[in-house]
Amino acid sequence: MDPAVVTDRKLLALAPELASPQPLAVQFFQKLKIAITAGYWLPDEALPSVAQFSELFSIPHDVVQKAFDQLIKDSWLMLNTQQEYLVTPKIDQPVSRLSNFSDLLRSRGFKAGSVWLRREVTEPNMDELWRLKLQTGAKVSRLQRLRTANEVVVGYESTSLPANIVPNPDEIGSSLYQYMHDKQLIIAKAVEEIDAFSCDSAMAELCGFELGKALLRLTRVSFLPNGRAIELTYSYFRSDYYRYVVEFND
């Protein structure tokens, strides 16, 4: 066994309590999940093997395997072609506040990236007309891009903004919200809808996602302090990478 595995005190804290009435596999699963969510291993980093954990804690292989299997089922771990258990990247989106997607990625240790597909000024569709409350004859600046984490495509976004506020979409760099900040376009509030979306053939071809795979669809409308709608964004994210976190306080 790798000596680093044995001497790491943080790993020793994952040891199940043999005297506990709770099953060993459940104990180990819970402790391992807490360690993963706390960022003890980085995204795509390999965990010690089943045999290593089994030897370290003197517990049966099947106990460790059951915990690993549940973590894979819950999309916390994945098994690569070398039969290594890797941490599945997770992007936590807090519901209680507005968050920049790139900042969320960086906070989880990812390298954030975008691949622009289109930036154009065009006629609005019906959805853009009513959600952005546009008047007759108004146009929109429409942005379409792939979102990447560590150069892996994890989502697709389509954003529409009133063209009289954002007349030249080619000026927008890697961060839309940085552009808006620089232009003193301050978002005061946003309304976001969340639902499920089954990956269709167009999305599969565009993003390389598995046809029929469950995606998380977010529809956000953001408003300026004066109440004017400024942004309509449709985001489609892989459900194994992205999750929403709701925190309730008294």
Protein backbone atom coordinates (compact mmCIF):
# COMPACT_ATOMS: atom_id res chain seq x y z
CA MET A 1 0.00 0.00 0.00
CA ASP A 2 1.13 3.55 -0.67
CA PRO A 3 2.62 4.85 2.64
CA ALA A 4 0.84 8.18 2.09
CA VAL A 5 -2.48 6.37 2.39
CA VAL A 6 -1.60 4.97 5.79
CA THR A 7 -0.06 8.10 7.29
CA ASP A 8 -2.76 10.53 6.19
CA ARG A 9 -4.64 11.46 9.38
CA LYS A 10 -7.60 12.78 7.41
CA LEU A 11 -8.12 9.35 5.89
CA LEU A 12 -7.98 7.74 9.32
CA ALA A 13 -10.92 9.93 10.34
CA LEU A 14 -13.05 8.04 7.80
CA ALA A 15 -12.76 4.79 9.73
CA PRO A 16 -16.15 3.27 10.63
CA GLU A 17 -16.87 2.73 14.32
CA LEU A 18 -17.02 -1.02 14.86
CA ALA A 19 -19.08 -0.62 18.06
CA SER A 20 -21.75 1.50 16.36
CA PRO A 21 -25.15 -0.11 15.70
CA GLN A 22 -25.16 1.54 12.27
CA PRO A 23 -24.01 -0.77 9.44
CA LEU A 24 -20.33 -0.36 8.51
CA ALA A 25 -21.14 0.30 4.85
CA VAL A 26 -23.55 3.11 5.76
CA GLN A 27 -21.02 4.67 8.15
CA PHE A 28 -18.24 4.54 5.58
CA PHE A 29 -20.51 5.87 2.83
CA GLN A 30 -21.56 8.86 4.94
CA LYS A 31 -18.03 9.71 6.04
CA LEU A 32 -16.64 9.34 2.54
CA LYS A 33 -19.39 11.51 1.05
CA ILE A 34 -18.69 14.24 3.63
CA ALA A 35 -14.99 14.12 2.75
CA ILE A 36 -15.76 14.39 -0.97
CA THR A 37 -18.18 17.31 -0.56
CA ALA A 38 -15.65 19.05 1.69
CA GLY A 39 -13.17 18.98 -1.20
CA TYR A 40 -10.66 16.56 0.29
CA TRP A 41 -10.17 15.16 -3.22
CA LEU A 42 -10.21 17.43 -6.24
CA PRO A 43 -12.50 16.83 -9.23
CA ASP A 44 -11.17 13.95 -11.38
CA GLU A 45 -8.73 12.94 -8.61
CA ALA A 46 -8.53 9.23 -7.82
CA LEU A 47 -9.44 7.90 -4.40
CA PRO A 48 -7.56 5.07 -2.71
CA SER A 49 -8.72 1.71 -4.01
CA VAL A 50 -11.21 -0.64 -2.40
CA ALA A 51 -8.34 -2.86 -1.31
CA GLN A 52 -6.44 0.06 0.23
CA PHE A 53 -9.42 1.27 2.25
CA SER A 54 -10.20 -2.30 3.30
CA GLU A 55 -6.66 -2.87 4.54
CA LEU A 56 -6.38 0.54 6.22
CA PHE A 57 -9.56 0.14 8.25
CA SER A 58 -9.53 -3.68 8.60
CA ILE A 59 -13.02 -3.93 7.12
CA PRO A 60 -14.30 -6.33 4.44
CA HIS A 61 -13.89 -5.45 0.77
CA ASP A 62 -17.64 -5.69 0.22
CA VAL A 63 -18.27 -2.97 2.84
CA VAL A 64 -16.05 -0.53 0.95
CA GLN A 65 -17.48 -1.65 -2.38
CA LYS A 66 -21.06 -1.02 -1.24
CA ALA A 67 -20.14 2.53 -0.23
CA PHE A 68 -18.38 3.13 -3.55
CA ASP A 69 -21.31 1.69 -5.51
CA GLN A 70 -23.74 4.04 -3.75
CA LEU A 71 -21.49 7.03 -4.41
CA ILE A 72 -21.39 6.10 -8.10
CA LYS A 73 -25.18 5.73 -8.13
CA ASP A 74 -25.50 9.20 -6.58
CA SER A 75 -23.00 10.61 -9.16
CA TRP A 76 -20.35 11.48 -6.57
CA LEU A 77 -17.82 9.03 -8.00
CA MET A 78 -17.13 7.56 -11.42
CA LEU A 79 -15.04 4.59 -12.53
CA ASN A 80 -12.50 5.22 -15.30
CA THR A 81 -10.98 2.78 -17.78
CA GLN A 82 -8.09 2.10 -15.39
CA GLN A 83 -10.65 0.96 -12.78
CA GLU A 84 -9.89 3.97 -10.60
CA TYR A 85 -12.62 5.72 -8.61
CA LEU A 86 -12.57 9.43 -9.46
CA VAL A 87 -14.43 12.30 -7.86
CA THR A 88 -17.20 13.50 -10.17
CA PRO A 89 -17.03 17.28 -10.53
CA LYS A 90 -19.99 18.99 -8.85
CA ILE A 91 -21.11 22.57 -9.30
CA ASP A 92 -23.18 23.77 -6.37
CA GLN A 93 -25.64 26.52 -7.28
CA PRO A 94 -27.05 28.25 -4.18
CA VAL A 95 -30.72 29.12 -4.61
CA SER A 96 -30.54 31.94 -2.07
CA ARG A 97 -28.31 34.27 -4.10
CA LEU A 98 -27.30 35.21 -7.63
CA SER A 99 -24.12 33.44 -8.69
CA ASN A 100 -21.68 33.75 -11.55
CA PHE A 101 -21.23 30.37 -13.26
CA SER A 102 -17.48 30.89 -13.78
CA ASP A 103 -17.02 31.85 -10.13
CA LEU A 104 -18.90 28.73 -9.06
CA LEU A 105 -16.58 26.61 -11.15
CA ARG A 106 -13.43 28.22 -9.82
CA SER A 107 -14.64 27.87 -6.23
CA ARG A 108 -14.86 24.10 -6.78
CA GLY A 109 -11.39 23.88 -8.28
CA PHE A 110 -12.42 23.80 -11.94
CA LYS A 111 -10.95 25.65 -14.86
CA ALA A 112 -13.95 27.53 -16.27
CA GLY A 113 -14.32 28.00 -20.00
CA SER A 114 -16.72 28.92 -22.79
CA VAL A 115 -16.95 28.10 -26.48
CA TRP A 116 -18.88 30.76 -28.36
CA LEU A 117 -21.28 29.39 -30.94
CA ARG A 118 -23.02 32.61 -31.97
CA ARG A 119 -23.26 36.29 -31.03
CA GLU A 120 -25.75 38.27 -33.06
CA VAL A 121 -28.35 41.04 -33.11
CA THR A 122 -31.61 39.60 -34.36
CA GLU A 123 -35.39 39.70 -34.29
CA PRO A 124 -36.83 38.42 -31.00
CA ASN A 125 -38.92 35.31 -30.81
CA MET A 126 -42.19 35.17 -28.88
CA ASP A 127 -40.54 34.01 -25.65
CA GLU A 128 -38.03 36.86 -25.75
CA LEU A 129 -40.77 39.37 -26.50
CA TRP A 130 -42.89 38.57 -23.46
CA ARG A 131 -40.17 37.67 -20.95
CA LEU A 132 -38.08 40.78 -21.71
CA LYS A 133 -41.22 42.90 -22.19
CA LEU A 134 -39.99 44.23 -25.52
CA GLN A 135 -41.88 46.71 -27.63
CA THR A 136 -42.79 46.25 -31.27
CA GLY A 137 -39.75 46.64 -33.51
CA ALA A 138 -37.20 45.99 -30.73
CA LYS A 139 -34.31 43.61 -31.36
CA VAL A 140 -32.24 41.40 -29.09
CA SER A 141 -28.56 40.58 -28.77
CA ARG A 142 -28.51 36.79 -28.62
CA LEU A 143 -25.54 34.82 -27.29
CA GLN A 144 -25.10 31.07 -27.57
CA ARG A 145 -22.20 29.16 -26.05
CA LEU A 146 -21.04 25.90 -24.54
CA ARG A 147 -19.90 25.98 -20.90
CA THR A 148 -16.91 23.86 -19.93
CA ALA A 149 -15.30 22.66 -16.71
CA ASN A 150 -11.71 21.48 -17.08
CA GLU A 151 -12.35 21.55 -20.85
CA VAL A 152 -15.28 19.12 -20.55
CA VAL A 153 -18.59 20.40 -21.93
CA VAL A 154 -21.04 20.47 -19.01
CA GLY A 155 -23.69 22.79 -20.37
CA TYR A 156 -25.19 24.95 -23.09
CA GLU A 157 -26.47 28.51 -22.63
CA SER A 158 -28.54 30.84 -24.76
CA THR A 159 -28.80 34.42 -23.50
CA SER A 160 -30.90 37.25 -24.91
CA LEU A 161 -30.56 40.93 -23.96
CA PRO A 162 -32.33 44.04 -25.31
CA ALA A 163 -30.23 45.29 -28.21
CA ASN A 164 -30.74 48.93 -27.23
CA ILE A 165 -28.93 48.17 -23.95
CA VAL A 166 -26.34 45.73 -25.35
CA PRO A 167 -25.98 46.81 -28.99
CA ASN A 168 -22.72 45.00 -29.79
CA PRO A 169 -22.62 41.43 -28.42
CA ASP A 170 -19.14 40.88 -29.89
CA GLU A 171 -17.80 43.11 -27.11
CA ILE A 172 -18.73 40.50 -24.52
CA GLY A 173 -15.71 38.44 -23.51
CA SER A 174 -15.52 35.31 -21.40
CA SER A 175 -17.86 36.68 -18.71
CA LEU A 176 -21.22 38.25 -19.46
CA TYR A 177 -21.57 39.50 -15.89
CA GLN A 178 -18.15 41.12 -15.96
CA TYR A 179 -19.23 42.94 -19.13
CA MET A 180 -22.43 44.05 -17.42
CA HIS A 181 -20.47 45.19 -14.37
CA ASP A 182 -18.10 47.21 -16.56
CA LYS A 183 -21.11 48.84 -18.26
CA GLN A 184 -22.68 49.57 -14.85
CA LEU A 185 -25.63 47.33 -15.63
CA ILE A 186 -26.44 46.15 -12.13
CA ILE A 187 -28.74 43.17 -11.64
CA ALA A 188 -31.03 43.86 -8.72
CA LYS A 189 -33.00 40.63 -8.80
CA ALA A 190 -33.63 37.55 -10.90
CA VAL A 191 -36.42 35.01 -11.27
CA GLU A 192 -35.27 31.49 -12.10
CA GLU A 193 -37.31 28.46 -13.13
CA ILE A 194 -35.84 24.96 -12.79
CA ASP A 195 -37.09 21.86 -14.56
CA ALA A 196 -35.90 18.64 -16.15
CA PHE A 197 -35.11 18.26 -19.84
CA SER A 198 -34.40 15.08 -21.77
CA CYS A 199 -31.46 15.58 -24.14
CA ASP A 200 -32.79 15.64 -27.69
CA SER A 201 -30.87 14.92 -30.89
CA ALA A 202 -30.01 18.59 -31.53
CA MET A 203 -28.59 19.05 -28.02
CA ALA A 204 -26.74 15.74 -28.21
CA GLU A 205 -25.07 16.74 -31.47
CA LEU A 206 -24.26 20.25 -30.25
CA CYS A 207 -22.82 19.31 -26.85
CA GLY A 208 -21.78 15.70 -27.25
CA PHE A 209 -24.27 14.65 -24.57
CA GLU A 210 -25.89 11.23 -24.51
CA LEU A 211 -29.23 11.19 -26.32
CA GLY A 212 -32.07 10.99 -23.80
CA LYS A 213 -29.81 11.88 -20.86
CA ALA A 214 -31.49 13.89 -18.09
CA LEU A 215 -30.42 17.53 -18.10
CA LEU A 216 -31.18 20.34 -15.70
CA ARG A 217 -32.83 23.28 -17.47
CA LEU A 218 -32.69 26.74 -15.90
CA THR A 219 -34.64 29.71 -17.20
CA ARG A 220 -33.51 33.00 -15.68
CA VAL A 221 -34.88 36.51 -16.16
CA SER A 222 -32.79 39.25 -14.54
CA PHE A 223 -33.87 42.79 -13.77
CA LEU A 224 -32.21 46.18 -13.34
CA PRO A 225 -32.91 48.26 -10.20
CA ASN A 226 -35.62 50.17 -12.12
CA GLY A 227 -37.47 46.91 -12.77
CA ARG A 228 -36.57 46.58 -16.42
CA ALA A 229 -35.87 43.04 -17.64
CA ILE A 230 -32.35 42.91 -19.06
CA GLU A 231 -31.43 39.24 -19.39
CA LEU A 232 -33.16 36.05 -20.44
CA THR A 233 -30.94 32.98 -20.17
CA TYR A 234 -31.72 29.35 -20.89
CA SER A 235 -29.12 27.00 -19.41
CA TYR A 236 -28.94 23.25 -19.92
CA PHE A 237 -26.54 21.40 -17.64
CA ARG A 238 -25.53 17.80 -17.15
CA SER A 239 -27.31 16.60 -14.03
CA ASP A 240 -24.27 14.58 -12.89
CA TYR A 241 -22.21 17.80 -12.73
CA TYR A 242 -24.72 20.36 -11.54
CA ARG A 243 -26.98 20.53 -8.49
CA TYR A 244 -29.01 23.13 -6.64
CA VAL A 245 -28.46 23.72 -2.95
CA VAL A 246 -31.22 25.20 -0.80
CA GLU A 247 -30.39 26.49 2.68
CA PHE A 248 -33.12 27.42 5.16
CA ASN A 249 -32.42 29.73 8.07
CA ASP A 250 -34.65 30.67 11.00
